[in-house]
C-alpha atoms as a PDB file:
ATOM      1  CA  MET A   1      80.735 234.431 141.661  1.00  0.00           C
ATOM      2  CA  LEU A   2      82.534 231.106 142.164  1.00  0.00           C
ATOM      3  CA  GLY A   3      85.087 231.021 139.356  1.00  0.00           C
ATOM      4  CA  LEU A   4      85.022 227.218 139.170  1.00  0.00           C
ATOM      5  CA  GLN A   5      86.665 227.343 135.751  1.00  0.00           C
ATOM      6  CA  ASN A   6      89.821 228.523 137.547  1.00  0.00           C
ATOM      7  CA  ILE A   7      90.132 225.406 139.707  1.00  0.00           C
ATOM      8  CA  ARG A   8      93.272 223.439 138.842  1.00  0.00           C
ATOM      9  CA  ILE A   9      93.257 219.890 140.206  1.00  0.00           C
ATOM     10  CA  THR A  10      96.907 219.402 141.125  1.00  0.00           C
ATOM     11  CA  PRO A  11      98.647 216.095 141.960  1.00  0.00           C
ATOM     12  CA  LYS A  12      98.942 217.291 145.561  1.00  0.00           C
ATOM     13  CA  MET A  13      95.198 217.881 145.786  1.00  0.00           C
ATOM     14  CA  LEU A  14      94.486 214.436 144.339  1.00  0.00           C
ATOM     15  CA  LYS A  15      96.850 212.755 146.796  1.00  0.00           C
ATOM     16  CA  LEU A  16      95.207 214.493 149.766  1.00  0.00           C
ATOM     17  CA  VAL A  17      91.681 213.654 148.566  1.00  0.00           C
ATOM     18  CA  CYS A  18      92.656 210.005 148.017  1.00  0.00           C
ATOM     19  CA  GLU A  19      94.012 209.741 151.575  1.00  0.00           C
ATOM     20  CA  VAL A  20      90.838 211.230 153.031  1.00  0.00           C
ATOM     21  CA  ASP A  21      88.638 208.977 150.879  1.00  0.00           C
ATOM     22  CA  GLU A  22      90.648 205.913 151.884  1.00  0.00           C
ATOM     23  CA  PHE A  23      89.987 206.656 155.542  1.00  0.00           C
ATOM     24  CA  LYS A  24      86.326 207.267 154.729  1.00  0.00           C
ATOM     25  CA  GLY A  25      86.072 203.658 153.545  1.00  0.00           C
ATOM     26  CA  ALA A  26      88.029 202.271 156.483  1.00  0.00           C
ATOM     27  CA  TRP A  27      85.821 204.140 158.948  1.00  0.00           C
ATOM     28  CA  ALA A  28      82.624 202.882 157.306  1.00  0.00           C
ATOM     29  CA  ALA A  29      83.851 199.325 157.852  1.00  0.00           C
ATOM     30  CA  MET A  30      84.855 200.056 161.447  1.00  0.00           C
ATOM     31  CA  GLU A  31      81.488 201.558 162.377  1.00  0.00           C
ATOM     32  CA  ASN A  32      80.125 198.022 162.444  1.00  0.00           C
ATOM     33  CA  HIS A  33      82.351 197.427 165.492  1.00  0.00           C
ATOM     34  CA  THR A  34      81.214 200.217 167.763  1.00  0.00           C
ATOM     35  CA  THR A  35      83.397 199.233 170.712  1.00  0.00           C
ATOM     36  CA  SER A  36      86.270 200.948 168.906  1.00  0.00           C
ATOM     37  CA  LEU A  37      84.296 204.173 168.832  1.00  0.00           C
ATOM     38  CA  GLN A  38      83.692 204.013 172.569  1.00  0.00           C
ATOM     39  CA  LEU A  39      87.414 204.295 173.111  1.00  0.00           C
ATOM     40  CA  LEU A  40      87.351 207.761 171.563  1.00  0.00           C
ATOM     41  CA  GLY A  41      85.957 209.066 174.837  1.00  0.00           C
ATOM     42  CA  GLU A  42      84.447 212.539 174.791  1.00  0.00           C
ATOM     43  CA  VAL A  43      84.951 212.776 171.036  1.00  0.00           C
ATOM     44  CA  SER A  44      82.710 209.751 170.617  1.00  0.00           C
ATOM     45  CA  SER A  45      79.968 211.325 172.736  1.00  0.00           C
ATOM     46  CA  PHE A  46      80.119 214.554 170.758  1.00  0.00           C
ATOM     47  CA  GLY A  47      80.148 212.618 167.506  1.00  0.00           C
ATOM     48  CA  ARG A  48      77.030 210.655 168.385  1.00  0.00           C
ATOM     49  CA  ASN A  49      75.163 213.812 169.433  1.00  0.00           C
ATOM     50  CA  PHE A  50      76.277 215.633 166.326  1.00  0.00           C
ATOM     51  CA  LYS A  51      75.196 212.734 164.123  1.00  0.00           C
ATOM     52  CA  GLU A  52      71.696 212.905 165.597  1.00  0.00           C
ATOM     53  CA  ILE A  53      71.464 216.525 164.457  1.00  0.00           C
ATOM     54  CA  ALA A  54      72.964 215.639 161.093  1.00  0.00           C
ATOM     55  CA  HIS A  55      70.503 212.809 160.493  1.00  0.00           C
ATOM     56  CA  SER A  56      67.526 215.100 161.105  1.00  0.00           C
ATOM     57  CA  TRP A  57      69.053 217.682 158.736  1.00  0.00           C
ATOM     58  CA  GLN A  58      70.252 215.290 156.036  1.00  0.00           C
ATOM     59  CA  ASP A  59      67.035 215.037 154.031  1.00  0.00           C
ATOM     60  CA  GLN A  60      66.066 218.698 154.318  1.00  0.00           C
ATOM     61  CA  PRO A  61      66.669 221.052 151.358  1.00  0.00           C
ATOM     62  CA  LEU A  62      69.869 223.072 151.520  1.00  0.00           C
ATOM     63  CA  ASP A  63      68.595 226.615 151.563  1.00  0.00           C
ATOM     64  CA  VAL A  64      68.803 229.896 153.482  1.00  0.00           C
ATOM     65  CA  ASP A  65      65.999 228.882 155.845  1.00  0.00           C
ATOM     66  CA  LEU A  66      67.906 225.774 156.937  1.00  0.00           C
ATOM     67  CA  LEU A  67      71.123 227.774 157.286  1.00  0.00           C
ATOM     68  CA  CYS A  68      69.437 230.320 159.566  1.00  0.00           C
ATOM     69  CA  ARG A  69      67.862 227.583 161.690  1.00  0.00           C
ATOM     70  CA  LEU A  70      71.192 225.783 162.056  1.00  0.00           C
ATOM     71  CA  HIS A  71      72.921 229.020 163.053  1.00  0.00           C
ATOM     72  CA  ALA A  72      70.297 229.550 165.757  1.00  0.00           C
ATOM     73  CA  VAL A  73      70.788 226.003 167.087  1.00  0.00           C
ATOM     74  CA  PHE A  74      74.559 226.242 167.306  1.00  0.00           C
ATOM     75  CA  THR A  75      74.657 229.748 168.769  1.00  0.00           C
ATOM     76  CA  GLY A  76      71.995 228.961 171.367  1.00  0.00           C
ATOM     77  CA  SER A  77      69.416 231.414 170.054  1.00  0.00           C
ATOM     78  CA  LYS A  78      65.749 230.750 170.743  1.00  0.00           C
ATOM     79  CA  GLN A  79      64.725 232.453 167.503  1.00  0.00           C
ATOM     80  CA  VAL A  80      65.690 231.709 163.904  1.00  0.00           C
ATOM     81  CA  SER A  81      68.774 233.735 162.992  1.00  0.00           C
ATOM     82  CA  ILE A  82      68.636 236.570 160.480  1.00  0.00           C
ATOM     83  CA  PHE A  83      71.379 237.934 158.244  1.00  0.00           C
ATOM     84  CA  LYS A  84      73.538 240.799 159.488  1.00  0.00           C
ATOM     85  CA  GLU A  85      72.462 244.417 159.183  1.00  0.00           C
ATOM     86  CA  GLU A  86      75.955 245.896 159.287  1.00  0.00           C
ATOM     87  CA  SER A  87      79.314 244.719 158.004  1.00  0.00           C
ATOM     88  CA  ARG A  88      82.246 243.866 160.257  1.00  0.00           C
ATOM     89  CA  SER A  89      85.601 242.467 159.217  1.00  0.00           C
ATOM     90  CA  ILE A  90      86.441 238.867 160.077  1.00  0.00           C
ATOM     91  CA  GLU A  91      89.243 238.317 162.599  1.00  0.00           C
ATOM     92  CA  ILE A  92      91.478 235.263 162.345  1.00  0.00           C
ATOM     93  CA  LYS A  93      92.843 234.453 165.800  1.00  0.00           C
ATOM     94  CA  LYS A  94      95.427 232.148 167.293  1.00  0.00           C
ATOM     95  CA  GLY A  95      94.411 231.879 170.922  1.00  0.00           C
ATOM     96  CA  GLU A  96      93.794 235.478 171.986  1.00  0.00           C
ATOM     97  CA  ASP A  97      96.146 236.948 169.370  1.00  0.00           C
ATOM     98  CA  ILE A  98      94.703 238.352 166.152  1.00  0.00           C
ATOM     99  CA  ILE A  99      96.646 237.030 163.161  1.00  0.00           C
ATOM    100  CA  GLY A 100      94.874 239.315 160.716  1.00  0.00           C
ATOM    101  CA  THR A 101      91.552 240.738 159.562  1.00  0.00           C
ATOM    102  CA  LEU A 102      89.690 240.384 156.261  1.00  0.00           C
ATOM    103  CA  ASN A 103      86.957 242.458 154.708  1.00  0.00           C
ATOM    104  CA  VAL A 104      83.608 240.744 154.154  1.00  0.00           C
ATOM    105  CA  ALA A 105      80.523 241.237 152.009  1.00  0.00           C
ATOM    106  CA  SER A 106      78.018 243.961 152.790  1.00  0.00           C
ATOM    107  CA  PRO A 107      74.557 243.115 154.168  1.00  0.00           C
ATOM    108  CA  GLU A 108      73.069 243.932 150.753  1.00  0.00           C
ATOM    109  CA  GLU A 109      75.466 241.541 149.003  1.00  0.00           C
ATOM    110  CA  VAL A 110      74.725 238.818 151.545  1.00  0.00           C
ATOM    111  CA  ARG A 111      70.972 239.053 151.026  1.00  0.00           C
ATOM    112  CA  ALA A 112      71.426 238.954 147.245  1.00  0.00           C
ATOM    113  CA  LEU A 113      74.099 236.264 146.980  1.00  0.00           C
ATOM    114  CA  MET A 114      73.661 233.901 149.946  1.00  0.00           C
ATOM    115  CA  PRO A 115      70.554 232.217 148.452  1.00  0.00           C
ATOM    116  CA  ARG A 116      72.524 231.653 145.227  1.00  0.00           C
ATOM    117  CA  LEU A 117      75.397 230.054 147.144  1.00  0.00           C
ATOM    118  CA  MET A 118      73.077 227.693 149.034  1.00  0.00           C
ATOM    119  CA  ASP A 119      71.284 226.827 145.798  1.00  0.00           C
ATOM    120  CA  TRP A 120      74.630 226.070 144.133  1.00  0.00           C
ATOM    121  CA  VAL A 121      75.680 223.681 146.923  1.00  0.00           C
ATOM    122  CA  ALA A 122      72.345 221.860 146.815  1.00  0.00           C
ATOM    123  CA  LYS A 123      72.497 221.428 143.032  1.00  0.00           C
ATOM    124  CA  GLU A 124      76.136 220.309 142.997  1.00  0.00           C
ATOM    125  CA  PHE A 125      75.472 217.683 145.677  1.00  0.00           C
ATOM    126  CA  GLU A 126      72.507 216.475 143.664  1.00  0.00           C
ATOM    127  CA  LYS A 127      74.353 216.372 140.312  1.00  0.00           C
ATOM    128  CA  GLN A 128      77.428 214.601 141.780  1.00  0.00           C
ATOM    129  CA  GLU A 129      79.619 215.824 138.925  1.00  0.00           C
ATOM    130  CA  LEU A 130      82.175 217.536 141.155  1.00  0.00           C
ATOM    131  CA  HIS A 131      83.918 215.727 144.011  1.00  0.00           C
ATOM    132  CA  PRO A 132      82.105 216.683 147.261  1.00  0.00           C
ATOM    133  CA  LEU A 133      85.291 217.838 148.988  1.00  0.00           C
ATOM    134  CA  PHE A 134      85.875 220.409 146.242  1.00  0.00           C
ATOM    135  CA  ILE A 135      82.277 221.606 146.630  1.00  0.00           C
ATOM    136  CA  ILE A 136      82.718 221.947 150.397  1.00  0.00           C
ATOM    137  CA  ALA A 137      86.075 223.739 150.006  1.00  0.00           C
ATOM    138  CA  VAL A 138      84.624 226.327 147.620  1.00  0.00           C
ATOM    139  CA  PHE A 139      81.488 226.785 149.706  1.00  0.00           C
ATOM    140  CA  THR A 140      83.507 227.374 152.889  1.00  0.00           C
ATOM    141  CA  ALA A 141      85.732 230.045 151.339  1.00  0.00           C
ATOM    142  CA  ILE A 142      82.776 231.939 149.857  1.00  0.00           C
ATOM    143  CA  PHE A 143      80.781 231.601 153.085  1.00  0.00           C
ATOM    144  CA  LEU A 144      83.673 233.156 155.014  1.00  0.00           C
ATOM    145  CA  GLN A 145      83.887 235.887 152.383  1.00  0.00           C
ATOM    146  CA  PHE A 146      80.212 236.646 153.027  1.00  0.00           C
ATOM    147  CA  CYS A 147      80.152 236.202 156.840  1.00  0.00           C
ATOM    148  CA  PRO A 148      76.346 236.460 156.659  1.00  0.00           C
ATOM    149  CA  PHE A 149      75.588 236.709 160.396  1.00  0.00           C
ATOM    150  CA  GLU A 150      76.372 239.276 163.073  1.00  0.00           C
ATOM    151  CA  LYS A 151      78.405 236.718 165.036  1.00  0.00           C
ATOM    152  CA  GLY A 152      79.474 233.096 165.026  1.00  0.00           C
ATOM    153  CA  ASN A 153      80.370 232.952 161.327  1.00  0.00           C
ATOM    154  CA  GLN A 154      83.617 231.007 161.702  1.00  0.00           C
ATOM    155  CA  LYS A 155      82.018 228.610 164.162  1.00  0.00           C
ATOM    156  CA  ILE A 156      79.047 227.869 161.925  1.00  0.00           C
ATOM    157  CA  ALA A 157      81.407 227.537 158.924  1.00  0.00           C
ATOM    158  CA  ARG A 158      83.333 224.758 160.726  1.00  0.00           C
ATOM    159  CA  LEU A 159      80.100 223.027 161.684  1.00  0.00           C
ATOM    160  CA  LEU A 160      78.790 223.298 158.132  1.00  0.00           C
ATOM    161  CA  ILE A 161      81.955 221.625 156.859  1.00  0.00           C
ATOM    162  CA  ILE A 162      81.262 218.667 159.132  1.00  0.00           C
ATOM    163  CA  LEU A 163      77.579 218.546 158.264  1.00  0.00           C
ATOM    164  CA  LEU A 164      78.300 218.679 154.527  1.00  0.00           C
ATOM    165  CA  MET A 165      80.974 215.997 154.864  1.00  0.00           C
ATOM    166  CA  PHE A 166      78.516 213.834 156.766  1.00  0.00           C
ATOM    167  CA  LYS A 167      75.936 214.394 154.032  1.00  0.00           C
ATOM    168  CA  ALA A 168      78.539 213.313 151.465  1.00  0.00           C
ATOM    169  CA  GLY A 169      79.165 210.025 153.289  1.00  0.00           C
ATOM    170  CA  TYR A 170      82.146 210.978 155.465  1.00  0.00           C
ATOM    171  CA  SER A 171      80.493 209.545 158.561  1.00  0.00           C
ATOM    172  CA  TYR A 172      83.650 209.970 160.662  1.00  0.00           C
ATOM    173  CA  ALA A 173      83.571 213.782 160.341  1.00  0.00           C
ATOM    174  CA  PRO A 174      81.558 214.481 163.543  1.00  0.00           C
ATOM    175  CA  TYR A 175      84.125 212.558 165.616  1.00  0.00           C
ATOM    176  CA  ALA A 176      87.018 214.960 164.937  1.00  0.00           C
ATOM    177  CA  MET A 177      86.406 218.694 165.260  1.00  0.00           C
ATOM    178  CA  LEU A 178      88.345 221.155 163.129  1.00  0.00           C
ATOM    179  CA  ASP A 179      88.751 223.885 165.756  1.00  0.00           C
ATOM    180  CA  PRO A 180      92.088 222.761 167.276  1.00  0.00           C
ATOM    181  CA  ILE A 181      93.592 222.094 163.837  1.00  0.00           C
ATOM    182  CA  LEU A 182      92.683 225.548 162.567  1.00  0.00           C
ATOM    183  CA  GLN A 183      94.060 227.044 165.780  1.00  0.00           C
ATOM    184  CA  GLU A 184      97.383 225.292 165.184  1.00  0.00           C
ATOM    185  CA  ARG A 185      97.483 226.537 161.586  1.00  0.00           C
ATOM    186  CA  ALA A 186      95.954 229.977 162.052  1.00  0.00           C
ATOM    187  CA  ASP A 187      98.723 231.695 160.065  1.00  0.00           C
ATOM    188  CA  GLU A 188      98.228 229.417 157.040  1.00  0.00           C
ATOM    189  CA  TYR A 189      94.465 229.725 157.419  1.00  0.00           C
ATOM    190  CA  PHE A 190      94.649 233.515 157.252  1.00  0.00           C
ATOM    191  CA  LYS A 191      97.077 233.570 154.313  1.00  0.00           C
ATOM    192  CA  ALA A 192      94.966 231.106 152.298  1.00  0.00           C
ATOM    193  CA  LEU A 193      91.781 233.129 152.845  1.00  0.00           C
ATOM    194  CA  GLN A 194      93.611 236.397 152.188  1.00  0.00           C
ATOM    195  CA  HIS A 195      94.983 235.070 148.883  1.00  0.00           C
ATOM    196  CA  THR A 196      91.547 233.850 147.794  1.00  0.00           C
ATOM    197  CA  GLN A 197      89.920 237.152 148.725  1.00  0.00           C
ATOM    198  CA  LYS A 198      92.595 239.216 146.972  1.00  0.00           C
ATOM    199  CA  THR A 199      92.329 237.264 143.705  1.00  0.00           C
ATOM    200  CA  LEU A 200      88.522 237.374 143.926  1.00  0.00           C
ATOM    201  CA  ALA A 201      88.697 241.177 144.154  1.00  0.00           C
ATOM    202  CA  GLN A 202      90.974 241.217 141.088  1.00  0.00           C
ATOM    203  CA  GLY A 203      88.280 239.451 139.082  1.00  0.00           C
ATOM    204  CA  LYS A 204      90.067 236.126 138.520  1.00  0.00           C
ATOM    205  CA  ILE A 205      89.950 233.986 141.622  1.00  0.00           C
ATOM    206  CA  ASP A 206      92.853 231.601 142.249  1.00  0.00           C
ATOM    207  CA  TRP A 207      91.562 228.578 144.156  1.00  0.00           C
ATOM    208  CA  ASP A 208      94.829 226.599 144.392  1.00  0.00           C
ATOM    209  CA  VAL A 209      96.132 227.970 147.711  1.00  0.00           C
ATOM    210  CA  TRP A 210      92.827 227.677 149.551  1.00  0.00           C
ATOM    211  CA  ILE A 211      91.845 224.238 148.253  1.00  0.00           C
ATOM    212  CA  GLU A 212      95.253 222.719 149.030  1.00  0.00           C
ATOM    213  CA  PHE A 213      95.137 224.221 152.531  1.00  0.00           C
ATOM    214  CA  PHE A 214      91.574 222.998 153.028  1.00  0.00           C
ATOM    215  CA  PHE A 215      92.485 219.453 151.998  1.00  0.00           C
ATOM    216  CA  GLN A 216      95.519 219.523 154.313  1.00  0.00           C
ATOM    217  CA  ILE A 217      93.155 220.416 157.156  1.00  0.00           C
ATOM    218  CA  LEU A 218      90.891 217.479 156.268  1.00  0.00           C
ATOM    219  CA  LYS A 219      93.898 215.160 156.159  1.00  0.00           C
ATOM    220  CA  ALA A 220      95.039 216.417 159.583  1.00  0.00           C
ATOM    221  CA  GLN A 221      91.505 215.813 160.862  1.00  0.00           C
ATOM    222  CA  LYS A 222      91.489 212.195 159.678  1.00  0.00           C
ATOM    223  CA  ASP A 223      95.095 211.649 160.864  1.00  0.00           C
ATOM    224  CA  LYS A 224      94.212 212.642 164.427  1.00  0.00           C
ATOM    225  CA  LEU A 225      91.163 210.419 164.431  1.00  0.00           C
ATOM    226  CA  GLN A 226      93.043 207.528 162.836  1.00  0.00           C
ATOM    227  CA  GLU A 227      95.730 207.780 165.506  1.00  0.00           C
ATOM    228  CA  ARG A 228      93.138 207.634 168.276  1.00  0.00           C
ATOM    229  CA  VAL A 229      91.332 204.722 166.647  1.00  0.00           C
ATOM    230  CA  GLU A 230      94.555 202.720 166.246  1.00  0.00           C
ATOM    231  CA  LYS A 231      95.442 203.395 169.871  1.00  0.00           C
ATOM    232  CA  GLY A 232      91.942 202.327 170.868  1.00  0.00           C
ATOM    233  CA  SER A 233      92.143 199.167 168.762  1.00  0.00           C
ATOM    234  CA  ASN A 234      95.325 198.148 170.534  1.00  0.00           C
ATOM    235  CA  GLU A 235      93.613 198.700 173.866  1.00  0.00           C
ATOM    236  CA  ILE A 236      90.702 196.532 172.762  1.00  0.00           C
ATOM    237  CA  VAL A 237      93.059 193.701 171.854  1.00  0.00           C
ATOM    238  CA  ASN A 238      94.558 193.766 175.357  1.00  0.00           C
ATOM    239  CA  MET A 239      91.277 194.382 177.163  1.00  0.00           C
ATOM    240  CA  PRO A 240      89.666 191.503 179.092  1.00  0.00           C
ATOM    241  CA  ALA A 241      86.771 189.925 177.219  1.00  0.00           C
ATOM    242  CA  LEU A 242      84.347 190.818 180.001  1.00  0.00           C
ATOM    243  CA  SER A 243      85.306 194.501 179.715  1.00  0.00           C
ATOM    244  CA  THR A 244      84.545 194.636 175.975  1.00  0.00           C
ATOM    245  CA  LYS A 245      81.309 192.770 176.653  1.00  0.00           C
ATOM    246  CA  VAL A 246      80.317 195.421 179.180  1.00  0.00           C
ATOM    247  CA  LEU A 247      81.176 198.257 176.778  1.00  0.00           C
ATOM    248  CA  LYS A 248      79.041 196.730 174.030  1.00  0.00           C
ATOM    249  CA  LEU A 249      76.010 196.871 176.340  1.00  0.00           C
ATOM    250  CA  PHE A 250      76.127 200.672 176.111  1.00  0.00           C
ATOM    251  CA  ASP A 251      75.507 200.538 172.361  1.00  0.00           C
ATOM    252  CA  LYS A 252      71.860 199.919 173.232  1.00  0.00           C
ATOM    253  CA  HIS A 253      71.614 201.359 176.748  1.00  0.00           C
ATOM    254  CA  ASP A 254      72.267 204.918 177.926  1.00  0.00           C
ATOM    255  CA  ARG A 255      72.548 203.844 181.562  1.00  0.00           C
ATOM    256  CA  LEU A 256      72.843 200.540 183.411  1.00  0.00           C
ATOM    257  CA  SER A 257      72.903 199.520 187.058  1.00  0.00           C
ATOM    258  CA  MET A 258      75.246 196.906 188.490  1.00  0.00           C
ATOM    259  CA  LYS A 259      72.345 194.474 188.727  1.00  0.00           C
ATOM    260  CA  GLU A 260      71.435 194.983 185.065  1.00  0.00           C
ATOM    261  CA  ILE A 261      75.047 194.570 183.939  1.00  0.00           C
ATOM    262  CA  GLU A 262      75.328 191.401 185.974  1.00  0.00           C
ATOM    263  CA  ARG A 263      72.169 189.997 184.394  1.00  0.00           C
ATOM    264  CA  LEU A 264      73.100 190.930 180.817  1.00  0.00           C
ATOM    265  CA  THR A 265      76.699 189.720 180.944  1.00  0.00           C
ATOM    266  CA  ARG A 266      76.167 186.769 183.336  1.00  0.00           C
ATOM    267  CA  GLY A 267      79.506 187.678 184.861  1.00  0.00           C
ATOM    268  CA  LYS A 268      80.511 187.181 188.469  1.00  0.00           C
ATOM    269  CA  ARG A 269      79.703 190.202 190.606  1.00  0.00           C
ATOM    270  CA  SER A 270      83.185 190.395 192.108  1.00  0.00           C
ATOM    271  CA  THR A 271      84.843 190.276 188.659  1.00  0.00           C
ATOM    272  CA  LEU A 272      82.384 192.796 187.249  1.00  0.00           C
ATOM    273  CA  LYS A 273      83.174 195.235 190.057  1.00  0.00           C
ATOM    274  CA  LEU A 274      86.856 194.957 189.156  1.00  0.00           C
ATOM    275  CA  ARG A 275      86.255 195.413 185.419  1.00  0.00           C
ATOM    276  CA  LEU A 276      83.841 198.304 185.914  1.00  0.00           C
ATOM    277  CA  GLY A 277      86.365 200.007 188.162  1.00  0.00           C
ATOM    278  CA  GLU A 278      89.001 199.654 185.425  1.00  0.00           C
ATOM    279  CA  LEU A 279      86.640 201.051 182.781  1.00  0.00           C
ATOM    280  CA  VAL A 280      85.775 204.030 184.971  1.00  0.00           C
ATOM    281  CA  GLU A 281      89.433 204.676 185.767  1.00  0.00           C
ATOM    282  CA  GLY A 282      90.337 204.320 182.079  1.00  0.00           C
ATOM    283  CA  GLY A 283      87.795 206.955 181.086  1.00  0.00           C
ATOM    284  CA  TYR A 284      85.428 204.668 179.171  1.00  0.00           C
ATOM    285  CA  LEU A 285      82.522 204.757 181.625  1.00  0.00           C
ATOM    286  CA  VAL A 286      81.216 207.161 184.258  1.00  0.00           C
ATOM    287  CA  ARG A 287      79.975 205.987 187.663  1.00  0.00           C
ATOM    288  CA  HIS A 288      76.925 207.765 189.090  1.00  0.00           C
ATOM    289  CA  GLY A 289      75.308 207.515 192.522  1.00  0.00           C
ATOM    290  CA  LYS A 290      76.410 205.470 195.524  1.00  0.00           C
ATOM    291  CA  ALA A 291      75.929 202.005 196.979  1.00  0.00           C
ATOM    292  CA  ARG A 292      72.775 200.303 195.637  1.00  0.00           C
ATOM    293  CA  ALA A 293      71.818 203.429 193.690  1.00  0.00           C
ATOM    294  CA  THR A 294      75.011 203.215 191.587  1.00  0.00           C
ATOM    295  CA  TRP A 295      74.612 203.217 187.809  1.00  0.00           C
ATOM    296  CA  TYR A 296      76.954 203.618 184.848  1.00  0.00           C
ATOM    297  CA  SER A 297      76.903 205.511 181.567  1.00  0.00           C
ATOM    298  CA  ARG A 298      79.223 205.903 178.636  1.00  0.00           C
ATOM    299  CA  VAL A 299      81.602 208.880 178.637  1.00  0.00           C
END
């Protein structure tokens, strides 16, 4: 089903994986200084929320039951999702325009093969013989070939990439979503999937095109995040000490009043008002309420 014997690890693939892994290490070191993450704004908020889900999922067995529960969570269903009962082609879009369509597995094939795919991922992660990014790349392509649910297959595929990366130690993954990158590269995305599907149908799958594209996407993901972090680091350097002190308070507190901030920082009220105003204007904090009922939260 997977044709792993046909994977050729090219110099280009190795270079891309090394760049991603290098950032993985740099991010792990930076996570100890959470003020930098605050400067990622809404991405930081999403990342923290996503990590909470990931942590609860991390120790659970990778199987069909977990997949169906995750699909229900991310599509807003109140019931555990079930596999599709009819087959529809997958549409690759760029904005509202359809770039192309691809055939997908039948409901019968999904029910027979999806448990095997989930079992393969779980075993490969456990064995640690194959680099995790290769495992995730192969899993994603096959998952999109199956499209096991009636709707939301591409969305859950992108979320599964992030969850699997997080499981493999790429703790930065939840802070940079793949959606805008895949939108920008929709043509390449379609061609890579089309090539993989065509060679799979011919009985000898060629993984090169898809895996190189997939690793380019992961590099673009880390590049965007790295750019934002570097910009944020420069802002931290030039930020008044009292401002960074205030931001650090929100590592442990979801919301704080002016009185609480004053007590915890021991700063002058007049100076704090100025710094809080700057942080709100800069998009780092949100002001709620009015007058004495005013309180602040992180973006």
